[in-house]
Protein backbone atom coordinates (compact mmCIF):
# COMPACT_ATOMS: atom_id res chain seq x y z
CA MET A 1 15.19 42.02 59.97
CA ASP A 2 18.20 44.18 59.37
CA ASP A 3 18.60 46.50 56.36
CA ASN A 4 21.13 44.15 54.73
CA THR A 5 18.73 41.20 54.76
CA ILE A 6 18.38 39.84 51.24
CA ILE A 7 14.73 39.96 50.19
CA CYS A 8 15.12 38.72 46.62
CA ARG A 9 17.86 36.12 46.35
CA CYS A 10 17.68 35.93 42.56
CA SER A 11 18.37 39.66 42.09
CA ASP A 12 20.25 40.36 45.36
CA ILE A 13 17.73 42.98 46.53
CA THR A 14 18.11 44.01 50.16
CA LEU A 15 15.44 45.11 52.61
CA LYS A 16 16.98 48.59 52.58
CA GLU A 17 16.67 48.85 48.78
CA LEU A 18 13.08 47.63 48.93
CA ARG A 19 12.11 50.12 51.64
CA GLU A 20 13.73 52.96 49.69
CA LEU A 21 11.60 52.14 46.64
CA ILE A 22 8.44 51.91 48.71
CA SER A 23 9.17 55.26 50.35
CA LYS A 24 9.57 56.78 46.86
CA GLY A 25 6.00 55.73 46.05
CA TYR A 26 6.42 52.36 44.37
CA THR A 27 3.72 50.51 46.29
CA SER A 28 2.83 47.52 44.14
CA VAL A 29 4.77 44.36 43.38
CA GLU A 30 4.48 45.09 39.64
CA GLU A 31 6.07 48.54 40.04
CA ILE A 32 8.89 47.17 42.14
CA LYS A 33 9.51 44.37 39.61
CA ARG A 34 9.90 46.92 36.84
CA ILE A 35 12.26 49.14 38.82
CA ASN A 36 14.68 46.58 40.26
CA ARG A 37 13.68 43.15 38.85
CA ALA A 38 12.70 41.72 42.25
CA GLY A 39 10.56 38.67 41.57
CA MET A 40 11.75 38.26 37.99
CA GLY A 41 14.54 35.75 38.56
CA PRO A 42 14.44 31.97 38.22
CA CYS A 43 12.07 31.59 41.20
CA GLN A 44 9.58 34.08 39.65
CA GLY A 45 8.87 35.65 43.05
CA ARG A 46 8.08 32.44 44.90
CA THR A 47 10.64 33.31 47.59
CA CYS A 48 10.37 37.10 47.71
CA GLU A 49 6.85 38.14 46.71
CA ASN A 50 5.35 37.60 50.17
CA LEU A 51 8.22 39.54 51.77
CA ILE A 52 7.66 42.41 49.34
CA LEU A 53 3.91 42.35 49.96
CA ARG A 54 4.49 42.37 53.72
CA GLU A 55 6.67 45.49 53.47
CA ILE A 56 4.17 47.28 51.21
CA ALA A 57 1.29 46.39 53.55
CA ALA A 58 3.20 47.67 56.58
CA PHE A 59 4.05 50.92 54.78
CA LYS A 60 0.46 51.49 53.61
CA GLY A 61 -1.08 50.35 56.90
CA VAL A 62 -3.31 47.77 55.23
CA ASP A 63 -3.76 44.02 55.53
CA ILE A 64 -1.62 42.01 53.13
CA SER A 65 -4.77 40.35 51.72
CA GLU A 66 -5.84 43.73 50.28
CA LEU A 67 -2.80 43.89 47.98
CA LYS A 68 -2.64 42.51 44.46
CA ILE A 69 -0.13 39.76 43.72
CA SER A 70 2.05 40.05 40.65
CA THR A 71 1.51 38.43 37.28
CA ARG A 72 3.53 35.24 36.83
CA ARG A 73 5.18 34.77 33.47
CA PRO A 74 7.33 31.90 32.20
CA ILE A 75 11.07 32.46 32.06
CA VAL A 76 12.39 33.23 28.59
CA LYS A 77 15.67 31.64 27.63
CA GLY A 78 17.53 32.71 24.50
CA ILE A 79 18.52 30.17 21.87
CA THR A 80 20.93 30.40 18.98
CA LEU A 81 20.08 30.27 15.29
CA GLY A 82 22.10 27.05 15.13
CA GLN A 83 19.77 25.43 17.66
CA ILE A 84 16.75 26.50 15.61
CA ALA A 85 18.30 25.20 12.38
CA SER A 86 19.24 21.85 13.88
CA ALA A 87 15.75 21.38 15.32
CA GLY A 88 14.04 22.03 11.99
CA GLY A 89 13.12 19.48 9.38
CA ASP A 90 14.60 19.00 5.92
CA SER A 91 12.48 21.74 4.40
CA LEU A 92 10.36 24.70 5.36
CA GLU A 93 7.37 23.61 3.26
């Protein structure tokens, strides 16, 4: 793969950006998520997590099965106060 290959389509993270983070010492999916949001988009890492793990494993010289996968969390979508008010009942009792 070339340096401009997109690793995380949701956050537009390239292979070059990923390798730079790994070389700086960020060697877990959780750390990388917190630094550049890779794996936090709509797909929640389903398309990029294995690519990230593969790069970390190659850098560390370990088998990919030895690495910890990231924690999956549901996507949070903001709502307006108007939506809350219209969804409520006639009273707050």
